[in-house]
């Protein structure tokens, strides 16, 4: 078993949650989302992010608006929908349970 593969799977499992947390604060352009994920040391590339954003949008968790840019074509800004906010609350609860479980096992 390769530790890098396991770490990669763990990151993938939290990526949707992290995206929703970012968009809970404010609408964001794809490059902004990538930068915030990279700032948090969760490395992701556009090729990974775009399909995820599309899947979240198609599930009704995100919507987007086109906003004119002073530096080129209009940009697509994603935002959390009401359904997405409810889904995020479910994920937050699951994350807390998982975190508590791991801490319990670690400390006992």
N, C-alpha and C. Protein backbone atom coordinates (compact mmCIF):
# COMPACT_ATOMS: atom_id res chain seq x y z
N UNK A 1 0.85 -1.18 0.00
CA UNK A 1 0.00 0.00 0.00
C UNK A 1 0.90 1.24 0.00
N UNK A 2 0.54 2.22 -0.80
CA UNK A 2 1.30 3.44 -0.97
C UNK A 2 0.66 4.58 -0.17
N UNK A 3 1.43 5.20 0.73
CA UNK A 3 0.90 6.29 1.56
C UNK A 3 0.43 7.47 0.71
N UNK A 4 1.11 7.75 -0.39
CA UNK A 4 0.71 8.87 -1.25
C UNK A 4 -0.67 8.63 -1.84
N UNK A 5 -0.98 7.40 -2.21
CA UNK A 5 -2.31 7.08 -2.75
C UNK A 5 -3.39 7.30 -1.70
N UNK A 6 -3.11 6.87 -0.48
CA UNK A 6 -4.08 7.04 0.61
C UNK A 6 -4.28 8.52 0.90
N UNK A 7 -3.19 9.29 0.96
CA UNK A 7 -3.31 10.72 1.21
C UNK A 7 -4.09 11.41 0.09
N UNK A 8 -3.87 10.99 -1.14
CA UNK A 8 -4.59 11.55 -2.28
C UNK A 8 -6.09 11.28 -2.16
N UNK A 9 -6.44 10.07 -1.77
CA UNK A 9 -7.85 9.72 -1.60
C UNK A 9 -8.49 10.52 -0.46
N UNK A 10 -7.73 10.75 0.60
CA UNK A 10 -8.25 11.55 1.71
C UNK A 10 -8.52 12.99 1.26
N UNK A 11 -7.59 13.55 0.46
CA UNK A 11 -7.79 14.91 -0.05
C UNK A 11 -9.01 14.98 -0.96
N UNK A 12 -9.15 13.99 -1.84
CA UNK A 12 -10.30 13.98 -2.75
C UNK A 12 -11.60 13.92 -1.97
N UNK A 13 -11.59 13.18 -0.88
CA UNK A 13 -12.80 13.04 -0.08
C UNK A 13 -13.23 14.31 0.61
N UNK A 14 -12.30 15.24 0.80
CA UNK A 14 -12.63 16.49 1.48
C UNK A 14 -12.76 17.68 0.53
N UNK A 15 -12.45 17.48 -0.73
CA UNK A 15 -12.41 18.58 -1.68
C UNK A 15 -13.77 19.26 -1.86
N UNK A 16 -14.83 18.49 -2.03
CA UNK A 16 -16.16 19.09 -2.20
C UNK A 16 -16.53 19.91 -0.97
N UNK A 17 -16.26 19.35 0.19
CA UNK A 17 -16.55 20.05 1.45
C UNK A 17 -15.80 21.38 1.50
N UNK A 18 -14.52 21.38 1.16
CA UNK A 18 -13.71 22.59 1.18
C UNK A 18 -14.22 23.63 0.18
N UNK A 19 -14.63 23.20 -0.98
CA UNK A 19 -15.18 24.12 -1.99
C UNK A 19 -16.44 24.79 -1.45
N UNK A 20 -17.31 24.00 -0.86
CA UNK A 20 -18.55 24.57 -0.31
C UNK A 20 -18.24 25.53 0.83
N UNK A 21 -17.24 25.23 1.66
CA UNK A 21 -16.86 26.14 2.74
C UNK A 21 -16.36 27.47 2.17
N UNK A 22 -15.58 27.42 1.11
CA UNK A 22 -15.08 28.64 0.48
C UNK A 22 -16.25 29.47 -0.06
N UNK A 23 -17.18 28.80 -0.75
CA UNK A 23 -18.28 29.52 -1.38
C UNK A 23 -19.35 29.95 -0.39
N UNK A 24 -19.32 29.40 0.81
CA UNK A 24 -20.25 29.84 1.84
C UNK A 24 -19.95 31.29 2.22
N UNK A 25 -18.68 31.66 2.17
CA UNK A 25 -18.26 33.01 2.57
C UNK A 25 -18.59 34.05 1.51
N UNK A 26 -18.37 33.69 0.23
CA UNK A 26 -18.63 34.64 -0.85
C UNK A 26 -18.56 33.91 -2.20
N UNK A 27 -19.18 34.51 -3.19
CA UNK A 27 -19.10 33.98 -4.55
C UNK A 27 -17.65 34.08 -5.00
N UNK A 28 -17.22 33.13 -5.82
CA UNK A 28 -15.81 33.13 -6.23
C UNK A 28 -15.66 32.62 -7.65
N UNK A 29 -14.65 33.14 -8.30
CA UNK A 29 -14.21 32.73 -9.63
C UNK A 29 -13.32 31.49 -9.47
N UNK A 30 -13.28 30.65 -10.47
CA UNK A 30 -12.54 29.39 -10.38
C UNK A 30 -11.10 29.59 -9.93
N UNK A 31 -10.42 30.56 -10.48
CA UNK A 31 -9.02 30.83 -10.10
C UNK A 31 -8.91 31.21 -8.63
N UNK A 32 -9.91 31.94 -8.12
CA UNK A 32 -9.91 32.30 -6.71
C UNK A 32 -10.07 31.06 -5.83
N UNK A 33 -10.94 30.15 -6.25
CA UNK A 33 -11.15 28.92 -5.50
C UNK A 33 -9.86 28.11 -5.46
N UNK A 34 -9.21 27.97 -6.60
CA UNK A 34 -7.95 27.23 -6.67
C UNK A 34 -6.90 27.87 -5.76
N UNK A 35 -6.80 29.19 -5.80
CA UNK A 35 -5.81 29.89 -4.96
C UNK A 35 -6.09 29.65 -3.48
N UNK A 36 -7.35 29.71 -3.08
CA UNK A 36 -7.69 29.50 -1.67
C UNK A 36 -7.40 28.05 -1.25
N UNK A 37 -7.66 27.11 -2.13
CA UNK A 37 -7.35 25.72 -1.83
C UNK A 37 -5.83 25.53 -1.72
N UNK A 38 -5.09 26.15 -2.62
CA UNK A 38 -3.63 26.05 -2.58
C UNK A 38 -3.06 26.74 -1.35
N UNK A 39 -3.66 27.88 -0.96
CA UNK A 39 -3.22 28.57 0.26
C UNK A 39 -3.39 27.67 1.48
N UNK A 40 -4.41 26.81 1.43
CA UNK A 40 -4.67 25.88 2.52
C UNK A 40 -3.87 24.58 2.36
N UNK A 41 -2.99 24.56 1.35
CA UNK A 41 -2.13 23.41 1.06
C UNK A 41 -2.91 22.20 0.55
N UNK A 42 -4.07 22.46 -0.03
CA UNK A 42 -4.84 21.42 -0.69
C UNK A 42 -4.65 21.67 -2.19
N UNK A 43 -3.66 21.05 -2.76
CA UNK A 43 -3.28 21.31 -4.14
C UNK A 43 -4.31 20.71 -5.08
N UNK A 44 -4.79 21.53 -5.99
CA UNK A 44 -5.76 21.10 -6.97
C UNK A 44 -5.51 21.87 -8.27
N UNK A 45 -5.80 21.24 -9.40
CA UNK A 45 -5.63 21.89 -10.70
C UNK A 45 -7.00 22.11 -11.32
N UNK A 46 -7.05 22.98 -12.31
CA UNK A 46 -8.32 23.30 -12.96
C UNK A 46 -9.01 22.06 -13.51
N UNK A 47 -8.22 21.13 -14.04
CA UNK A 47 -8.80 19.92 -14.62
C UNK A 47 -9.55 19.08 -13.61
N UNK A 48 -9.20 19.21 -12.34
CA UNK A 48 -9.91 18.53 -11.26
C UNK A 48 -11.10 19.35 -10.80
N UNK A 49 -10.92 20.65 -10.74
CA UNK A 49 -11.94 21.53 -10.16
C UNK A 49 -13.17 21.70 -11.06
N UNK A 50 -12.98 21.90 -12.34
CA UNK A 50 -14.12 22.16 -13.23
C UNK A 50 -15.17 21.05 -13.20
N UNK A 51 -14.80 19.78 -13.31
CA UNK A 51 -15.83 18.73 -13.24
C UNK A 51 -16.54 18.70 -11.89
N UNK A 52 -15.81 19.00 -10.82
CA UNK A 52 -16.41 19.03 -9.49
C UNK A 52 -17.42 20.16 -9.38
N UNK A 53 -17.06 21.34 -9.86
CA UNK A 53 -17.98 22.48 -9.84
C UNK A 53 -19.23 22.18 -10.67
N UNK A 54 -19.03 21.56 -11.82
CA UNK A 54 -20.17 21.19 -12.67
C UNK A 54 -21.08 20.20 -11.96
N UNK A 55 -20.50 19.21 -11.31
CA UNK A 55 -21.29 18.21 -10.59
C UNK A 55 -22.07 18.86 -9.44
N UNK A 56 -21.42 19.77 -8.71
CA UNK A 56 -22.11 20.46 -7.62
C UNK A 56 -23.22 21.36 -8.15
N UNK A 57 -22.98 22.00 -9.29
CA UNK A 57 -24.01 22.84 -9.92
C UNK A 57 -25.18 22.00 -10.39
N UNK A 58 -24.89 20.88 -11.05
CA UNK A 58 -25.95 20.00 -11.56
C UNK A 58 -26.77 19.37 -10.44
N UNK A 59 -26.17 19.26 -9.26
CA UNK A 59 -26.88 18.73 -8.10
C UNK A 59 -27.71 19.81 -7.40
N UNK A 60 -27.58 21.04 -7.87
CA UNK A 60 -28.35 22.14 -7.30
C UNK A 60 -27.70 22.79 -6.10
N UNK A 61 -26.43 22.45 -5.80
CA UNK A 61 -25.74 23.00 -4.65
C UNK A 61 -25.07 24.33 -4.95
N UNK A 62 -24.79 24.58 -6.21
CA UNK A 62 -24.15 25.83 -6.64
C UNK A 62 -24.94 26.44 -7.79
N UNK A 63 -24.83 27.73 -7.91
CA UNK A 63 -25.29 28.44 -9.11
C UNK A 63 -24.13 29.35 -9.50
N UNK A 64 -24.30 30.04 -10.62
CA UNK A 64 -23.23 30.95 -11.03
C UNK A 64 -23.82 32.15 -11.75
N UNK A 65 -23.03 33.21 -11.77
CA UNK A 65 -23.35 34.42 -12.51
C UNK A 65 -22.14 34.80 -13.34
N UNK A 66 -22.41 35.33 -14.52
CA UNK A 66 -21.33 35.87 -15.35
C UNK A 66 -21.14 37.32 -14.95
N UNK A 67 -19.90 37.67 -14.65
CA UNK A 67 -19.58 39.04 -14.26
C UNK A 67 -18.49 39.56 -15.20
N UNK A 68 -18.72 40.77 -15.73
CA UNK A 68 -17.76 41.37 -16.66
C UNK A 68 -16.41 41.55 -15.98
N UNK A 69 -15.36 41.36 -16.75
CA UNK A 69 -14.00 41.49 -16.25
C UNK A 69 -13.31 42.64 -16.96
N UNK A 70 -12.48 43.36 -16.23
CA UNK A 70 -11.71 44.44 -16.86
C UNK A 70 -10.49 43.88 -17.59
N UNK A 71 -10.22 42.58 -17.38
CA UNK A 71 -9.02 41.97 -17.95
C UNK A 71 -9.35 40.85 -18.93
N UNK A 72 -10.43 40.98 -19.67
CA UNK A 72 -10.75 39.94 -20.64
C UNK A 72 -12.23 39.62 -20.66
N UNK A 73 -12.55 38.38 -21.02
CA UNK A 73 -13.95 37.99 -21.13
C UNK A 73 -14.65 37.93 -19.77
N UNK A 74 -15.98 37.88 -19.78
CA UNK A 74 -16.71 37.76 -18.51
C UNK A 74 -16.26 36.50 -17.76
N UNK A 75 -16.39 36.57 -16.43
CA UNK A 75 -15.98 35.45 -15.58
C UNK A 75 -17.20 34.83 -14.91
N UNK A 76 -17.12 33.53 -14.75
CA UNK A 76 -18.20 32.78 -14.09
C UNK A 76 -17.89 32.72 -12.60
N UNK A 77 -18.75 33.35 -11.80
CA UNK A 77 -18.60 33.34 -10.35
C UNK A 77 -19.62 32.37 -9.75
N UNK A 78 -19.11 31.40 -8.98
CA UNK A 78 -19.96 30.40 -8.35
C UNK A 78 -20.38 30.87 -6.98
N UNK A 79 -21.62 30.49 -6.60
CA UNK A 79 -22.11 30.78 -5.26
C UNK A 79 -22.94 29.61 -4.76
N UNK A 80 -23.01 29.51 -3.46
CA UNK A 80 -23.78 28.47 -2.81
C UNK A 80 -25.27 28.76 -2.93
N UNK A 81 -26.06 27.75 -3.24
CA UNK A 81 -27.51 27.90 -3.26
C UNK A 81 -28.06 27.55 -1.87
N UNK A 82 -29.33 27.76 -1.68
CA UNK A 82 -29.96 27.37 -0.41
C UNK A 82 -29.81 25.86 -0.19
N UNK A 83 -30.02 25.09 -1.26
CA UNK A 83 -29.84 23.64 -1.18
C UNK A 83 -28.39 23.29 -0.84
N UNK A 84 -27.45 24.05 -1.41
CA UNK A 84 -26.04 23.84 -1.12
C UNK A 84 -25.70 24.14 0.33
N UNK A 85 -26.33 25.18 0.88
CA UNK A 85 -26.10 25.53 2.28
C UNK A 85 -26.59 24.41 3.20
N UNK A 86 -27.73 23.81 2.87
CA UNK A 86 -28.25 22.69 3.66
C UNK A 86 -27.32 21.48 3.54
N UNK A 87 -26.83 21.22 2.33
CA UNK A 87 -25.91 20.11 2.11
C UNK A 87 -24.61 20.35 2.89
N UNK A 88 -24.14 21.59 2.90
CA UNK A 88 -22.93 21.93 3.65
C UNK A 88 -23.13 21.65 5.13
N UNK A 89 -24.29 21.96 5.68
CA UNK A 89 -24.56 21.68 7.09
C UNK A 89 -24.48 20.18 7.37
N UNK A 90 -25.00 19.37 6.44
CA UNK A 90 -24.90 17.92 6.59
C UNK A 90 -23.44 17.48 6.58
N UNK A 91 -22.66 18.03 5.66
CA UNK A 91 -21.24 17.67 5.58
C UNK A 91 -20.49 18.12 6.83
N UNK A 92 -20.84 19.29 7.35
CA UNK A 92 -20.19 19.77 8.57
C UNK A 92 -20.46 18.82 9.73
N UNK A 93 -21.68 18.34 9.83
CA UNK A 93 -22.04 17.39 10.87
C UNK A 93 -21.25 16.09 10.70
N UNK A 94 -21.20 15.60 9.47
CA UNK A 94 -20.45 14.36 9.20
C UNK A 94 -18.97 14.54 9.49
N UNK A 95 -18.42 15.71 9.12
CA UNK A 95 -17.01 15.98 9.36
C UNK A 95 -16.74 15.98 10.86
N UNK A 96 -17.62 16.61 11.63
CA UNK A 96 -17.44 16.66 13.07
C UNK A 96 -17.48 15.26 13.68
N UNK A 97 -18.43 14.44 13.23
CA UNK A 97 -18.52 13.06 13.72
C UNK A 97 -17.26 12.28 13.39
N UNK A 98 -16.79 12.42 12.16
CA UNK A 98 -15.58 11.71 11.73
C UNK A 98 -14.37 12.18 12.53
N UNK A 99 -14.26 13.46 12.71
CA UNK A 99 -13.16 14.04 13.48
C UNK A 99 -13.20 13.52 14.92
N UNK A 100 -14.37 13.51 15.53
CA UNK A 100 -14.51 13.01 16.90
C UNK A 100 -14.13 11.53 16.98
N UNK A 101 -14.56 10.74 15.99
CA UNK A 101 -14.24 9.32 15.95
C UNK A 101 -12.73 9.10 15.88
N UNK A 102 -12.08 9.81 14.98
CA UNK A 102 -10.63 9.66 14.81
C UNK A 102 -9.90 10.09 16.07
N UNK A 103 -10.31 11.20 16.66
CA UNK A 103 -9.67 11.66 17.88
C UNK A 103 -9.87 10.68 19.03
N UNK A 104 -11.04 10.09 19.10
CA UNK A 104 -11.32 9.09 20.13
C UNK A 104 -10.38 7.88 19.96
N UNK A 105 -10.27 7.40 18.74
CA UNK A 105 -9.41 6.25 18.49
C UNK A 105 -7.94 6.60 18.76
N UNK A 106 -7.54 7.79 18.35
CA UNK A 106 -6.15 8.22 18.56
C UNK A 106 -5.81 8.33 20.03
N UNK A 107 -6.74 8.81 20.82
CA UNK A 107 -6.46 9.13 22.22
C UNK A 107 -6.80 8.00 23.19
N UNK A 108 -7.34 6.90 22.71
CA UNK A 108 -7.68 5.78 23.61
C UNK A 108 -6.93 4.53 23.25
